[in-house]
Amino acid sequence: MVNSERSSEENGAVILGVSKDSVSSHQKFIEKAELTITLLADPELEVIKAFDVWQLKKFMGKENMGTVRTTFLIDSNGKITKIWNNVRVKGHAEAVLEELKNFLMK
């Protein structure tokens, strides 16, 4: 398993997570999962909507609005260079790290 956080930092990347959950909810999650990345609270959905990840989702036959788990690779000029939609955890960190390394080699 890749330690994606350390590998990303070694490659000059910053990892941020954003959700509509509160700061206190994030803090509890960070402690429980022993995370060392920064999680940003966006309860007003400003960033989430700006990145167009607040979408209609279907679960168990019901439709609700929610955040679609998405990863963006953003260069130092603020340009989005790669988007991963509907992210699944398994293998994702490795795929992002590989893309970051390829981007840095250009």
PDB file of N, CA and C in Angstrom:
ATOM      1  N   MET A   1       0.838  -1.183   0.000  1.00  0.00           N
ATOM      2  CA  MET A   1       0.000   0.000   0.000  1.00  0.00           C
ATOM      3  C   MET A   1       0.883   1.246   0.000  1.00  0.00           C
ATOM      4  N   VAL A   2       0.497   2.220  -0.790  1.00  0.00           N
ATOM      5  CA  VAL A   2       1.248   3.456  -0.915  1.00  0.00           C
ATOM      6  C   VAL A   2       0.831   4.424   0.181  1.00  0.00           C
ATOM      7  N   ASN A   3       1.801   5.043   0.815  1.00  0.00           N
ATOM      8  CA  ASN A   3       1.466   6.139   1.727  1.00  0.00           C
ATOM      9  C   ASN A   3       1.309   7.359   0.838  1.00  0.00           C
ATOM     10  N   SER A   4       0.088   7.552   0.325  1.00  0.00           N
ATOM     11  CA  SER A   4      -0.154   8.586  -0.683  1.00  0.00           C
ATOM     12  C   SER A   4       0.101   9.986  -0.151  1.00  0.00           C
ATOM     13  N   GLU A   5      -0.159  10.197   1.131  1.00  0.00           N
ATOM     14  CA  GLU A   5       0.043  11.536   1.670  1.00  0.00           C
ATOM     15  C   GLU A   5       1.521  11.911   1.623  1.00  0.00           C
ATOM     16  N   ARG A   6       2.374  11.051   2.156  1.00  0.00           N
ATOM     17  CA  ARG A   6       3.801  11.362   2.169  1.00  0.00           C
ATOM     18  C   ARG A   6       4.325  11.454   0.734  1.00  0.00           C
ATOM     19  N   SER A   7       3.943  10.520  -0.125  1.00  0.00           N
ATOM     20  CA  SER A   7       4.403  10.523  -1.503  1.00  0.00           C
ATOM     21  C   SER A   7       3.960  11.783  -2.230  1.00  0.00           C
ATOM     22  N   SER A   8       2.725  12.223  -1.991  1.00  0.00           N
ATOM     23  CA  SER A   8       2.219  13.436  -2.631  1.00  0.00           C
ATOM     24  C   SER A   8       2.985  14.659  -2.156  1.00  0.00           C
ATOM     25  N   GLU A   9       3.214  14.747  -0.841  1.00  0.00           N
ATOM     26  CA  GLU A   9       3.963  15.881  -0.308  1.00  0.00           C
ATOM     27  C   GLU A   9       5.382  15.907  -0.857  1.00  0.00           C
ATOM     28  N   GLU A  10       5.988  14.738  -1.003  1.00  0.00           N
ATOM     29  CA  GLU A  10       7.331  14.670  -1.568  1.00  0.00           C
ATOM     30  C   GLU A  10       7.351  15.167  -3.008  1.00  0.00           C
ATOM     31  N   ASN A  11       6.200  15.079  -3.687  1.00  0.00           N
ATOM     32  CA  ASN A  11       6.086  15.540  -5.062  1.00  0.00           C
ATOM     33  C   ASN A  11       5.505  16.957  -5.153  1.00  0.00           C
ATOM     34  N   GLY A  12       5.435  17.642  -4.039  1.00  0.00           N
ATOM     35  CA  GLY A  12       4.989  19.030  -4.024  1.00  0.00           C
ATOM     36  C   GLY A  12       3.485  19.210  -4.060  1.00  0.00           C
ATOM     37  N   ALA A  13       2.730  18.192  -3.709  1.00  0.00           N
ATOM     38  CA  ALA A  13       1.268  18.274  -3.753  1.00  0.00           C
ATOM     39  C   ALA A  13       0.693  18.517  -2.367  1.00  0.00           C
ATOM     40  N   VAL A  14      -0.479  19.108  -2.339  1.00  0.00           N
ATOM     41  CA  VAL A  14      -1.229  19.321  -1.108  1.00  0.00           C
ATOM     42  C   VAL A  14      -2.538  18.564  -1.258  1.00  0.00           C
ATOM     43  N   ILE A  15      -2.899  17.793  -0.247  1.00  0.00           N
ATOM     44  CA  ILE A  15      -4.145  17.038  -0.280  1.00  0.00           C
ATOM     45  C   ILE A  15      -5.158  17.724   0.625  1.00  0.00           C
ATOM     46  N   LEU A  16      -6.325  18.045   0.046  1.00  0.00           N
ATOM     47  CA  LEU A  16      -7.421  18.649   0.794  1.00  0.00           C
ATOM     48  C   LEU A  16      -8.687  17.846   0.547  1.00  0.00           C
ATOM     49  N   GLY A  17      -9.458  17.669   1.578  1.00  0.00           N
ATOM     50  CA  GLY A  17     -10.771  17.054   1.438  1.00  0.00           C
ATOM     51  C   GLY A  17     -11.821  18.093   1.769  1.00  0.00           C
ATOM     52  N   VAL A  18     -12.947  18.055   1.057  1.00  0.00           N
ATOM     53  CA  VAL A  18     -14.023  19.013   1.291  1.00  0.00           C
ATOM     54  C   VAL A  18     -15.335  18.242   1.413  1.00  0.00           C
ATOM     55  N   SER A  19     -16.115  18.567   2.427  1.00  0.00           N
ATOM     56  CA  SER A  19     -17.463  18.017   2.522  1.00  0.00           C
ATOM     57  C   SER A  19     -18.370  19.027   3.209  1.00  0.00           C
ATOM     58  N   LYS A  20     -19.673  18.736   3.165  1.00  0.00           N
ATOM     59  CA  LYS A  20     -20.631  19.653   3.780  1.00  0.00           C
ATOM     60  C   LYS A  20     -20.718  19.468   5.289  1.00  0.00           C
ATOM     61  N   ASP A  21     -20.002  18.501   5.829  1.00  0.00           N
ATOM     62  CA  ASP A  21     -20.021  18.256   7.269  1.00  0.00           C
ATOM     63  C   ASP A  21     -19.389  19.420   8.032  1.00  0.00           C
ATOM     64  N   SER A  22     -19.729  19.524   9.293  1.00  0.00           N
ATOM     65  CA  SER A  22     -19.230  20.607  10.138  1.00  0.00           C
ATOM     66  C   SER A  22     -17.764  20.386  10.532  1.00  0.00           C
ATOM     67  N   VAL A  23     -17.151  21.426  11.031  1.00  0.00           N
ATOM     68  CA  VAL A  23     -15.772  21.350  11.520  1.00  0.00           C
ATOM     69  C   VAL A  23     -15.670  20.318  12.639  1.00  0.00           C
ATOM     70  N   SER A  24     -16.619  20.327  13.571  1.00  0.00           N
ATOM     71  CA  SER A  24     -16.573  19.371  14.687  1.00  0.00           C
ATOM     72  C   SER A  24     -16.731  17.937  14.189  1.00  0.00           C
ATOM     73  N   SER A  25     -17.570  17.726  13.195  1.00  0.00           N
ATOM     74  CA  SER A  25     -17.726  16.393  12.604  1.00  0.00           C
ATOM     75  C   SER A  25     -16.418  15.951  11.950  1.00  0.00           C
ATOM     76  N   HIS A  26     -15.781  16.863  11.231  1.00  0.00           N
ATOM     77  CA  HIS A  26     -14.486  16.560  10.611  1.00  0.00           C
ATOM     78  C   HIS A  26     -13.457  16.183  11.668  1.00  0.00           C
ATOM     79  N   GLN A  27     -13.427  16.944  12.760  1.00  0.00           N
ATOM     80  CA  GLN A  27     -12.444  16.683  13.812  1.00  0.00           C
ATOM     81  C   GLN A  27     -12.615  15.288  14.380  1.00  0.00           C
ATOM     82  N   LYS A  28     -13.858  14.892  14.624  1.00  0.00           N
ATOM     83  CA  LYS A  28     -14.125  13.545  15.130  1.00  0.00           C
ATOM     84  C   LYS A  28     -13.666  12.488  14.131  1.00  0.00           C
ATOM     85  N   PHE A  29     -13.956  12.716  12.851  1.00  0.00           N
ATOM     86  CA  PHE A  29     -13.554  11.765  11.813  1.00  0.00           C
ATOM     87  C   PHE A  29     -12.035  11.678  11.692  1.00  0.00           C
ATOM     88  N   ILE A  30     -11.377  12.818  11.741  1.00  0.00           N
ATOM     89  CA  ILE A  30      -9.909  12.862  11.656  1.00  0.00           C
ATOM     90  C   ILE A  30      -9.293  12.051  12.786  1.00  0.00           C
ATOM     91  N   GLU A  31      -9.813  12.236  13.995  1.00  0.00           N
ATOM     92  CA  GLU A  31      -9.284  11.508  15.146  1.00  0.00           C
ATOM     93  C   GLU A  31      -9.566  10.014  15.037  1.00  0.00           C
ATOM     94  N   LYS A  32     -10.780   9.652  14.639  1.00  0.00           N
ATOM     95  CA  LYS A  32     -11.155   8.240  14.531  1.00  0.00           C
ATOM     96  C   LYS A  32     -10.340   7.527  13.462  1.00  0.00           C
ATOM     97  N   ALA A  33     -10.165   8.173  12.315  1.00  0.00           N
ATOM     98  CA  ALA A  33      -9.452   7.554  11.199  1.00  0.00           C
ATOM     99  C   ALA A  33      -7.946   7.829  11.230  1.00  0.00           C
ATOM    100  N   GLU A  34      -7.514   8.627  12.210  1.00  0.00           N
ATOM    101  CA  GLU A  34      -6.102   9.004  12.341  1.00  0.00           C
ATOM    102  C   GLU A  34      -5.561   9.639  11.058  1.00  0.00           C
ATOM    103  N   LEU A  35      -6.353  10.541  10.489  1.00  0.00           N
ATOM    104  CA  LEU A  35      -5.945  11.227   9.270  1.00  0.00           C
ATOM    105  C   LEU A  35      -4.982  12.362   9.591  1.00  0.00           C
ATOM    106  N   THR A  36      -4.124  12.653   8.645  1.00  0.00           N
ATOM    107  CA  THR A  36      -3.224  13.792   8.796  1.00  0.00           C
ATOM    108  C   THR A  36      -3.419  14.803   7.674  1.00  0.00           C
ATOM    109  N   ILE A  37      -4.401  14.565   6.796  1.00  0.00           N
ATOM    110  CA  ILE A  37      -4.690  15.535   5.739  1.00  0.00           C
ATOM    111  C   ILE A  37      -5.668  16.578   6.266  1.00  0.00           C
ATOM    112  N   THR A  38      -5.792  17.662   5.535  1.00  0.00           N
ATOM    113  CA  THR A  38      -6.704  18.729   5.908  1.00  0.00           C
ATOM    114  C   THR A  38      -8.078  18.475   5.314  1.00  0.00           C
ATOM    115  N   LEU A  39      -9.105  18.519   6.161  1.00  0.00           N
ATOM    116  CA  LEU A  39     -10.483  18.418   5.704  1.00  0.00           C
ATOM    117  C   LEU A  39     -11.139  19.784   5.875  1.00  0.00           C
ATOM    118  N   LEU A  40     -11.760  20.275   4.832  1.00  0.00           N
ATOM    119  CA  LEU A  40     -12.407  21.573   4.859  1.00  0.00           C
ATOM    120  C   LEU A  40     -13.916  21.399   4.970  1.00  0.00           C
ATOM    121  N   ALA A  41     -14.537  22.153   5.850  1.00  0.00           N
ATOM    122  CA  ALA A  41     -15.987  22.109   6.035  1.00  0.00           C
ATOM    123  C   ALA A  41     -16.641  23.123   5.098  1.00  0.00           C
ATOM    124  N   ASP A  42     -17.656  22.668   4.376  1.00  0.00           N
ATOM    125  CA  ASP A  42     -18.384  23.527   3.444  1.00  0.00           C
ATOM    126  C   ASP A  42     -19.891  23.342   3.636  1.00  0.00           C
ATOM    127  N   PRO A  43     -20.401  23.654   4.847  1.00  0.00           N
ATOM    128  CA  PRO A  43     -21.823  23.420   5.114  1.00  0.00           C
ATOM    129  C   PRO A  43     -22.761  24.264   4.250  1.00  0.00           C
ATOM    130  N   GLU A  44     -22.268  25.360   3.694  1.00  0.00           N
ATOM    131  CA  GLU A  44     -23.088  26.203   2.816  1.00  0.00           C
ATOM    132  C   GLU A  44     -23.010  25.742   1.357  1.00  0.00           C
ATOM    133  N   LEU A  45     -22.202  24.711   1.092  1.00  0.00           N
ATOM    134  CA  LEU A  45     -22.071  24.094  -0.243  1.00  0.00           C
ATOM    135  C   LEU A  45     -21.467  25.020  -1.299  1.00  0.00           C
ATOM    136  N   GLU A  46     -20.753  26.049  -0.877  1.00  0.00           N
ATOM    137  CA  GLU A  46     -20.189  26.993  -1.840  1.00  0.00           C
ATOM    138  C   GLU A  46     -19.141  26.343  -2.740  1.00  0.00           C
ATOM    139  N   VAL A  47     -18.168  25.679  -2.160  1.00  0.00           N
ATOM    140  CA  VAL A  47     -17.104  25.036  -2.940  1.00  0.00           C
ATOM    141  C   VAL A  47     -17.662  23.809  -3.662  1.00  0.00           C
ATOM    142  N   ILE A  48     -18.476  23.047  -2.968  1.00  0.00           N
ATOM    143  CA  ILE A  48     -19.049  21.824  -3.535  1.00  0.00           C
ATOM    144  C   ILE A  48     -19.848  22.130  -4.803  1.00  0.00           C
ATOM    145  N   LYS A  49     -20.665  23.179  -4.762  1.00  0.00           N
ATOM    146  CA  LYS A  49     -21.440  23.560  -5.946  1.00  0.00           C
ATOM    147  C   LYS A  49     -20.546  24.176  -7.021  1.00  0.00           C
ATOM    148  N   ALA A  50     -19.542  24.937  -6.613  1.00  0.00           N
ATOM    149  CA  ALA A  50     -18.636  25.564  -7.582  1.00  0.00           C
ATOM    150  C   ALA A  50     -17.895  24.505  -8.404  1.00  0.00           C
ATOM    151  N   PHE A  51     -17.599  23.365  -7.773  1.00  0.00           N
ATOM    152  CA  PHE A  51     -16.914  22.282  -8.479  1.00  0.00           C
ATOM    153  C   PHE A  51     -17.903  21.293  -9.095  1.00  0.00           C
ATOM    154  N   ASP A  52     -19.186  21.619  -9.045  1.00  0.00           N
ATOM    155  CA  ASP A  52     -20.262  20.839  -9.659  1.00  0.00           C
ATOM    156  C   ASP A  52     -20.292  19.387  -9.195  1.00  0.00           C
ATOM    157  N   VAL A  53     -20.084  19.174  -7.893  1.00  0.00           N
ATOM    158  CA  VAL A  53     -20.157  17.811  -7.355  1.00  0.00           C
ATOM    159  C   VAL A  53     -21.384  17.612  -6.470  1.00  0.00           C
ATOM    160  N   TRP A  54     -22.258  18.623  -6.357  1.00  0.00           N
ATOM    161  CA  TRP A  54     -23.537  18.489  -5.659  1.00  0.00           C
ATOM    162  C   TRP A  54     -24.541  18.051  -6.718  1.00  0.00           C
ATOM    163  N   GLN A  55     -24.885  16.773  -6.694  1.00  0.00           N
ATOM    164  CA  GLN A  55     -25.678  16.200  -7.776  1.00  0.00           C
ATOM    165  C   GLN A  55     -26.736  15.247  -7.231  1.00  0.00           C
ATOM    166  N   LEU A  56     -27.663  14.895  -8.097  1.00  0.00           N
ATOM    167  CA  LEU A  56     -28.687  13.925  -7.759  1.00  0.00           C
ATOM    168  C   LEU A  56     -28.044  12.542  -7.692  1.00  0.00           C
ATOM    169  N   LYS A  57     -28.250  11.865  -6.565  1.00  0.00           N
ATOM    170  CA  LYS A  57     -27.690  10.528  -6.369  1.00  0.00           C
ATOM    171  C   LYS A  57     -28.833   9.558  -6.108  1.00  0.00           C
ATOM    172  N   LYS A  58     -28.639   8.329  -6.536  1.00  0.00           N
ATOM    173  CA  LYS A  58     -29.625   7.282  -6.298  1.00  0.00           C
ATOM    174  C   LYS A  58     -29.048   6.251  -5.340  1.00  0.00           C
ATOM    175  N   PHE A  59     -29.847   5.884  -4.320  1.00  0.00           N
ATOM    176  CA  PHE A  59     -29.422   4.877  -3.361  1.00  0.00           C
ATOM    177  C   PHE A  59     -30.648   4.126  -2.886  1.00  0.00           C
ATOM    178  N   MET A  60     -30.614   2.834  -3.073  1.00  0.00           N
ATOM    179  CA  MET A  60     -31.710   1.956  -2.647  1.00  0.00           C
ATOM    180  C   MET A  60     -33.064   2.439  -3.177  1.00  0.00           C
ATOM    181  N   GLY A  61     -33.082   2.825  -4.441  1.00  0.00           N
ATOM    182  CA  GLY A  61     -34.320   3.236  -5.083  1.00  0.00           C
ATOM    183  C   GLY A  61     -34.777   4.649  -4.789  1.00  0.00           C
ATOM    184  N   LYS A  62     -34.030   5.373  -3.974  1.00  0.00           N
ATOM    185  CA  LYS A  62     -34.394   6.753  -3.644  1.00  0.00           C
ATOM    186  C   LYS A  62     -33.398   7.719  -4.263  1.00  0.00           C
ATOM    187  N   GLU A  63     -33.912   8.885  -4.609  1.00  0.00           N
ATOM    188  CA  GLU A  63     -33.061   9.933  -5.164  1.00  0.00           C
ATOM    189  C   GLU A  63     -32.942  11.081  -4.174  1.00  0.00           C
ATOM    190  N   ASN A  64     -31.703  11.520  -3.956  1.00  0.00           N
ATOM    191  CA  ASN A  64     -31.420  12.645  -3.068  1.00  0.00           C
ATOM    192  C   ASN A  64     -30.241  13.429  -3.628  1.00  0.00           C
ATOM    193  N   MET A  65     -30.201  14.698  -3.288  1.00  0.00           N
ATOM    194  CA  MET A  65     -29.034  15.487  -3.647  1.00  0.00           C
ATOM    195  C   MET A  65     -27.910  15.153  -2.663  1.00  0.00           C
ATOM    196  N   GLY A  66     -26.699  15.065  -3.187  1.00  0.00           N
ATOM    197  CA  GLY A  66     -25.561  14.771  -2.339  1.00  0.00           C
ATOM    198  C   GLY A  66     -24.260  15.052  -3.064  1.00  0.00           C
ATOM    199  N   THR A  67     -23.177  14.919  -2.341  1.00  0.00           N
ATOM    200  CA  THR A  67     -21.860  15.149  -2.908  1.00  0.00           C
ATOM    201  C   THR A  67     -21.377  13.879  -3.592  1.00  0.00           C
ATOM    202  N   VAL A  68     -21.026  13.993  -4.851  1.00  0.00           N
ATOM    203  CA  VAL A  68     -20.450  12.884  -5.593  1.00  0.00           C
ATOM    204  C   VAL A  68     -18.954  12.896  -5.324  1.00  0.00           C
ATOM    205  N   ARG A  69     -18.453  11.803  -4.778  1.00  0.00           N
ATOM    206  CA  ARG A  69     -17.036  11.734  -4.416  1.00  0.00           C
ATOM    207  C   ARG A  69     -16.186  11.890  -5.673  1.00  0.00           C
ATOM    208  N   THR A  70     -15.397  12.956  -5.697  1.00  0.00           N
ATOM    209  CA  THR A  70     -14.637  13.335  -6.887  1.00  0.00           C
ATOM    210  C   THR A  70     -13.260  13.816  -6.455  1.00  0.00           C
ATOM    211  N   THR A  71     -12.261  13.543  -7.285  1.00  0.00           N
ATOM    212  CA  THR A  71     -10.909  14.029  -7.030  1.00  0.00           C
ATOM    213  C   THR A  71     -10.487  14.918  -8.188  1.00  0.00           C
ATOM    214  N   PHE A  72      -9.891  16.059  -7.847  1.00  0.00           N
ATOM    215  CA  PHE A  72      -9.386  16.992  -8.844  1.00  0.00           C
ATOM    216  C   PHE A  72      -7.885  17.135  -8.664  1.00  0.00           C
ATOM    217  N   LEU A  73      -7.139  17.062  -9.753  1.00  0.00           N
ATOM    218  CA  LEU A  73      -5.719  17.400  -9.733  1.00  0.00           C
ATOM    219  C   LEU A  73      -5.630  18.808 -10.302  1.00  0.00           C
ATOM    220  N   ILE A  74      -5.165  19.732  -9.470  1.00  0.00           N
ATOM    221  CA  ILE A  74      -5.130  21.154  -9.831  1.00  0.00           C
ATOM    222  C   ILE A  74      -3.683  21.618  -9.816  1.00  0.00           C
ATOM    223  N   ASP A  75      -3.260  22.262 -10.910  1.00  0.00           N
ATOM    224  CA  ASP A  75      -1.861  22.701 -10.972  1.00  0.00           C
ATOM    225  C   ASP A  75      -1.653  23.974 -10.159  1.00  0.00           C
ATOM    226  N   SER A  76      -0.419  24.423 -10.104  1.00  0.00           N
ATOM    227  CA  SER A  76      -0.070  25.573  -9.269  1.00  0.00           C
ATOM    228  C   SER A  76      -0.688  26.880  -9.766  1.00  0.00           C
ATOM    229  N   ASN A  77      -1.222  26.882 -10.992  1.00  0.00           N
ATOM    230  CA  ASN A  77      -1.909  28.059 -11.522  1.00  0.00           C
ATOM    231  C   ASN A  77      -3.418  27.999 -11.299  1.00  0.00           C
ATOM    232  N   GLY A  78      -3.893  26.935 -10.638  1.00  0.00           N
ATOM    233  CA  GLY A  78      -5.319  26.785 -10.368  1.00  0.00           C
ATOM    234  C   GLY A  78      -6.085  26.112 -11.489  1.00  0.00           C
ATOM    235  N   LYS A  79      -5.393  25.580 -12.499  1.00  0.00           N
ATOM    236  CA  LYS A  79      -6.045  24.900 -13.621  1.00  0.00           C
ATOM    237  C   LYS A  79      -6.264  23.424 -13.267  1.00  0.00           C
ATOM    238  N   ILE A  80      -7.489  22.950 -13.488  1.00  0.00           N
ATOM    239  CA  ILE A  80      -7.781  21.534 -13.268  1.00  0.00           C
ATOM    240  C   ILE A  80      -7.178  20.745 -14.419  1.00  0.00           C
ATOM    241  N   THR A  81      -6.302  19.802 -14.081  1.00  0.00           N
ATOM    242  CA  THR A  81      -5.631  19.025 -15.124  1.00  0.00           C
ATOM    243  C   THR A  81      -6.169  17.602 -15.247  1.00  0.00           C
ATOM    244  N   LYS A  82      -6.891  17.128 -14.235  1.00  0.00           N
ATOM    245  CA  LYS A  82      -7.457  15.770 -14.273  1.00  0.00           C
ATOM    246  C   LYS A  82      -8.599  15.704 -13.269  1.00  0.00           C
ATOM    247  N   ILE A  83      -9.665  14.977 -13.646  1.00  0.00           N
ATOM    248  CA  ILE A  83     -10.812  14.765 -12.772  1.00  0.00           C
ATOM    249  C   ILE A  83     -11.115  13.278 -12.709  1.00  0.00           C
ATOM    250  N   TRP A  84     -11.297  12.776 -11.485  1.00  0.00           N
ATOM    251  CA  TRP A  84     -11.770  11.410 -11.261  1.00  0.00           C
ATOM    252  C   TRP A  84     -13.172  11.525 -10.678  1.00  0.00           C
ATOM    253  N   ASN A  85     -14.179  11.026 -11.387  1.00  0.00           N
ATOM    254  CA  ASN A  85     -15.568  11.079 -10.930  1.00  0.00           C
ATOM    255  C   ASN A  85     -15.964   9.777 -10.257  1.00  0.00           C
ATOM    256  N   ASN A  86     -16.948   9.855  -9.355  1.00  0.00           N
ATOM    257  CA  ASN A  86     -17.490   8.669  -8.679  1.00  0.00           C
ATOM    258  C   ASN A  86     -16.373   7.784  -8.128  1.00  0.00           C
ATOM    259  N   VAL A  87     -15.506   8.375  -7.356  1.00  0.00           N
ATOM    260  CA  VAL A  87     -14.308   7.722  -6.835  1.00  0.00           C
ATOM    261  C   VAL A  87     -14.654   6.543  -5.929  1.00  0.00           C
ATOM    262  N   ARG A  88     -13.943   5.457  -6.124  1.00  0.00           N
ATOM    263  CA  ARG A  88     -13.970   4.300  -5.229  1.00  0.00           C
ATOM    264  C   ARG A  88     -12.604   4.269  -4.552  1.00  0.00           C
ATOM    265  N   VAL A  89     -12.571   3.937  -3.292  1.00  0.00           N
ATOM    266  CA  VAL A  89     -11.353   4.050  -2.488  1.00  0.00           C
ATOM    267  C   VAL A  89     -10.243   3.119  -2.983  1.00  0.00           C
ATOM    268  N   LYS A  90     -10.572   1.857  -3.246  1.00  0.00           N
ATOM    269  CA  LYS A  90      -9.544   0.860  -3.577  1.00  0.00           C
ATOM    270  C   LYS A  90      -8.747   1.273  -4.817  1.00  0.00           C
ATOM    271  N   GLY A  91      -7.447   1.442  -4.624  1.00  0.00           N
ATOM    272  CA  GLY A  91      -6.528   1.769  -5.705  1.00  0.00           C
ATOM    273  C   GLY A  91      -6.517   3.227  -6.126  1.00  0.00           C
ATOM    274  N   HIS A  92      -7.396   4.033  -5.549  1.00  0.00           N
ATOM    275  CA  HIS A  92      -7.504   5.419  -6.000  1.00  0.00           C
ATOM    276  C   HIS A  92      -6.268   6.249  -5.649  1.00  0.00           C
ATOM    277  N   ALA A  93      -5.780   6.130  -4.440  1.00  0.00           N
ATOM    278  CA  ALA A  93      -4.605   6.917  -4.041  1.00  0.00           C
ATOM    279  C   ALA A  93      -3.424   6.619  -4.954  1.00  0.00           C
ATOM    280  N   GLU A  94      -3.246   5.365  -5.296  1.00  0.00           N
ATOM    281  CA  GLU A  94      -2.141   4.988  -6.180  1.00  0.00           C
ATOM    282  C   GLU A  94      -2.319   5.594  -7.578  1.00  0.00           C
ATOM    283  N   ALA A  95      -3.563   5.587  -8.077  1.00  0.00           N
ATOM    284  CA  ALA A  95      -3.834   6.162  -9.403  1.00  0.00           C
ATOM    285  C   ALA A  95      -3.567   7.663  -9.419  1.00  0.00           C
ATOM    286  N   VAL A  96      -3.971   8.358  -8.361  1.00  0.00           N
ATOM    287  CA  VAL A  96      -3.746   9.802  -8.287  1.00  0.00           C
ATOM    288  C   VAL A  96      -2.254  10.101  -8.190  1.00  0.00           C
ATOM    289  N   LEU A  97      -1.546   9.341  -7.369  1.00  0.00           N
ATOM    290  CA  LEU A  97      -0.107   9.553  -7.233  1.00  0.00           C
ATOM    291  C   LEU A  97       0.611   9.321  -8.563  1.00  0.00           C
ATOM    292  N   GLU A  98       0.216   8.298  -9.294  1.00  0.00           N
ATOM    293  CA  GLU A  98       0.822   8.019 -10.602  1.00  0.00           C
ATOM    294  C   GLU A  98       0.559   9.171 -11.567  1.00  0.00           C
ATOM    295  N   GLU A  99      -0.661   9.687 -11.576  1.00  0.00           N
ATOM    296  CA  GLU A  99      -1.003  10.820 -12.435  1.00  0.00           C
ATOM    297  C   GLU A  99      -0.204  12.055 -12.031  1.00  0.00           C
ATOM    298  N   LEU A 100      -0.028  12.284 -10.738  1.00  0.00           N
ATOM    299  CA  LEU A 100       0.759  13.410 -10.254  1.00  0.00           C
ATOM    300  C   LEU A 100       2.202  13.292 -10.747  1.00  0.00           C
ATOM    301  N   LYS A 101       2.757  12.112 -10.622  1.00  0.00           N
ATOM    302  CA  LYS A 101       4.136  11.904 -11.083  1.00  0.00           C
ATOM    303  C   LYS A 101       4.251  12.143 -12.585  1.00  0.00           C
ATOM    304  N   ASN A 102       3.282  11.648 -13.361  1.00  0.00           N
ATOM    305  CA  ASN A 102       3.291  11.871 -14.814  1.00  0.00           C
ATOM    306  C   ASN A 102       3.175  13.354 -15.134  1.00  0.00           C
ATOM    307  N   PHE A 103       2.317  14.052 -14.392  1.00  0.00           N
ATOM    308  CA  PHE A 103       2.143  15.492 -14.606  1.00  0.00           C
ATOM    309  C   PHE A 103       3.449  16.230 -14.330  1.00  0.00           C
ATOM    310  N   LEU A 104       4.147  15.861 -13.280  1.00  0.00           N
ATOM    311  CA  LEU A 104       5.379  16.549 -12.921  1.00  0.00           C
ATOM    312  C   LEU A 104       6.513  16.279 -13.902  1.00  0.00           C
ATOM    313  N   MET A 105       6.420  15.184 -14.629  1.00  0.00           N
ATOM    314  CA  MET A 105       7.458  14.829 -15.589  1.00  0.00           C
ATOM    315  C   MET A 105       7.301  15.593 -16.915  1.00  0.00           C
ATOM    316  N   LYS A 106       6.152  16.250 -17.118  1.00  0.00           N
ATOM    317  CA  LYS A 106       5.912  16.980 -18.374  1.00  0.00           C
ATOM    318  C   LYS A 106       6.737  18.225 -18.452  1.00  0.00           C
TER     319      LYS A 106
END
